[in-house]
Amino acid sequence: MYSAGEILLFLIGASFGLFILISLLVMLPGRSAQRRVEAGPVWLGGPSGASAA
């Protein structure tokens, strides 16, 4: 049977591995790199709002 230390090390290793995997997937260039950049001001509160950002 596994000791508590071995189980803890396995859980820490598995968590670290998942963290690295998810981090690499997020950093991969995907659809987010193809965002449209609209020219002109961004209006807060819609067309009837009085303030521009």
C-alpha atoms as a PDB file:
ATOM      1  CA  MET A   1       0.000   0.000   0.000  1.00  0.00           C
ATOM      2  CA  TYR A   2       1.191   3.516  -0.760  1.00  0.00           C
ATOM      3  CA  SER A   3       2.266   5.841   2.017  1.00  0.00           C
ATOM      4  CA  ALA A   4       0.778   9.275   2.528  1.00  0.00           C
ATOM      5  CA  GLY A   5       3.981  10.908   1.255  1.00  0.00           C
ATOM      6  CA  GLU A   6       3.921   8.952  -2.000  1.00  0.00           C
ATOM      7  CA  ILE A   7       0.283   9.851  -2.594  1.00  0.00           C
ATOM      8  CA  LEU A   8       0.996  13.507  -1.857  1.00  0.00           C
ATOM      9  CA  LEU A   9       3.952  13.558  -4.266  1.00  0.00           C
ATOM     10  CA  PHE A  10       1.821  11.910  -6.955  1.00  0.00           C
ATOM     11  CA  LEU A  11      -0.948  14.478  -6.523  1.00  0.00           C
ATOM     12  CA  ILE A  12       1.511  17.384  -6.638  1.00  0.00           C
ATOM     13  CA  GLY A  13       3.162  15.930  -9.754  1.00  0.00           C
ATOM     14  CA  ALA A  14      -0.173  15.354 -11.485  1.00  0.00           C
ATOM     15  CA  SER A  15      -1.325  18.881 -10.656  1.00  0.00           C
ATOM     16  CA  PHE A  16       1.930  20.369 -11.942  1.00  0.00           C
ATOM     17  CA  GLY A  17       1.682  18.316 -15.137  1.00  0.00           C
ATOM     18  CA  LEU A  18      -1.877  19.463 -15.782  1.00  0.00           C
ATOM     19  CA  PHE A  19      -0.865  23.062 -15.105  1.00  0.00           C
ATOM     20  CA  ILE A  20       1.946  22.870 -17.672  1.00  0.00           C
ATOM     21  CA  LEU A  21      -0.307  21.181 -20.242  1.00  0.00           C
ATOM     22  CA  ILE A  22      -3.084  23.760 -19.873  1.00  0.00           C
ATOM     23  CA  SER A  23      -0.564  26.619 -19.939  1.00  0.00           C
ATOM     24  CA  LEU A  24       0.910  25.354 -23.212  1.00  0.00           C
ATOM     25  CA  LEU A  25      -2.543  24.960 -24.740  1.00  0.00           C
ATOM     26  CA  VAL A  26      -3.486  28.518 -23.769  1.00  0.00           C
ATOM     27  CA  MET A  27      -0.281  29.962 -25.216  1.00  0.00           C
ATOM     28  CA  LEU A  28      -0.756  28.254 -28.585  1.00  0.00           C
ATOM     29  CA  PRO A  29      -1.793  30.719 -31.290  1.00  0.00           C
ATOM     30  CA  GLY A  30      -5.399  30.102 -32.128  1.00  0.00           C
ATOM     31  CA  ARG A  31      -8.542  31.944 -32.971  1.00  0.00           C
ATOM     32  CA  SER A  32      -7.818  34.593 -30.360  1.00  0.00           C
ATOM     33  CA  ALA A  33      -4.922  35.903 -32.476  1.00  0.00           C
ATOM     34  CA  GLN A  34      -7.346  36.757 -35.284  1.00  0.00           C
ATOM     35  CA  ARG A  35      -9.454  39.310 -33.424  1.00  0.00           C
ATOM     36  CA  ARG A  36     -10.854  42.229 -35.332  1.00  0.00           C
ATOM     37  CA  VAL A  37      -9.579  45.618 -34.332  1.00  0.00           C
ATOM     38  CA  GLU A  38     -12.249  48.186 -35.018  1.00  0.00           C
ATOM     39  CA  ALA A  39     -11.299  51.752 -35.774  1.00  0.00           C
ATOM     40  CA  GLY A  40     -12.918  54.591 -33.886  1.00  0.00           C
ATOM     41  CA  PRO A  41     -13.899  55.210 -30.286  1.00  0.00           C
ATOM     42  CA  VAL A  42     -15.385  52.602 -27.982  1.00  0.00           C
ATOM     43  CA  TRP A  43     -18.593  53.966 -26.514  1.00  0.00           C
ATOM     44  CA  LEU A  44     -19.539  52.949 -23.002  1.00  0.00           C
ATOM     45  CA  GLY A  45     -23.254  52.495 -22.502  1.00  0.00           C
ATOM     46  CA  GLY A  46     -24.119  51.952 -26.155  1.00  0.00           C
ATOM     47  CA  PRO A  47     -24.874  54.503 -28.890  1.00  0.00           C
ATOM     48  CA  SER A  48     -26.877  56.714 -26.545  1.00  0.00           C
ATOM     49  CA  GLY A  49     -24.107  56.882 -23.911  1.00  0.00           C
ATOM     50  CA  ALA A  50     -22.426  60.220 -23.351  1.00  0.00           C
ATOM     51  CA  SER A  51     -18.921  59.086 -22.473  1.00  0.00           C
ATOM     52  CA  ALA A  52     -16.250  57.670 -24.763  1.00  0.00           C
ATOM     53  CA  ALA A  53     -13.404  55.500 -23.523  1.00  0.00           C
END
